[in-house]
């Protein structure tokens, strides 16, 4: 059976997501939503999507699942409205702008028994799936640490989505979510967070370094930023070796396994299409199986990541807020 998707948002994320449907034979985009019907119609015309709606109309359209691809502060309102209506939802990262907003969406989804998942495509990339399998099978011993960086140089523009606090701008919500989620995936939620960073003139975070500490001695050293182009590499450390996810680690095409005393082994594991096809597959698999959460991207992990981001931003003096969406 073909899964019929609706997409809320007509920006860059919606564009790259739509393109990967050609690699998923049992899924199709049948509806697009935007703040205005005109914007939705323009996007629909460009990509051959039959339905174009406002956000409110999209929630009432004949679709099986909704992908929320709007700026971060709009995720909460759209995802909450979807799960309240019984509509399965895939929410782009960061899941929400605030921890409280994430808790509310998750609580309602669980109460209603509606499928809900964060669109953390990194966890579903073939190289990351294999890295997790190797770790879980004990190939590098007991895990002790994760290192990851993700920096992208962007020219500061206070009205751009990347920098505007009203639109959830700043390094942590845009890039930090990747490094934090990787650490969460392999180490779990930390006991303490220590963060430092710099701010832009409008108060959004320019670059951030984080140390995630665990009571058992494990730790994660993470960095993200919009000021500098960094390698974008991740390394998972164990007592018996390490696994490297080469740049850019959040959508890798290979991994390098280093077992203590042995030569390094490189495994080539390219994604299908751009890589979004794998999360489209995961949603379809979960819906067919009647699951309300993905076992690969469970909601408890999403809440853990949101907690780390909120702790980080608080230590930088930043208080994010959720936005309003017209759902009439």
Foldseek 3Di string as FASTA:
>chain_A
DAFEEEEEDQDPVVVQLQVCVVVPVRYHYQEYEYQDQVSQVVSCVVRVHNYGYHLLVSLVDPGQEYEYDAQQLALLVSLQSNLVSLHAYEYEFVNHLALVSLVNSVVSLVVSVHAYFYLLLLLQAPANVVVLVCVVVQVQHAWAEKEWEAEAADDDDCVDLQNPLQRSHAWCRPPVLQQLLSCCLRPNFAPDKDKDADADPVGGTAKMWMWGHHPVNGIYTYIYGHHDGDFCKMWTHHNFWIKIQGPVSSQGQWIWTGGPPDDIDIGGRHARRSRSVRVVVQVVVCVVVSHRAGPSGGSVSSSSSSVNSCNHCVVSVDDGHRDDGDND
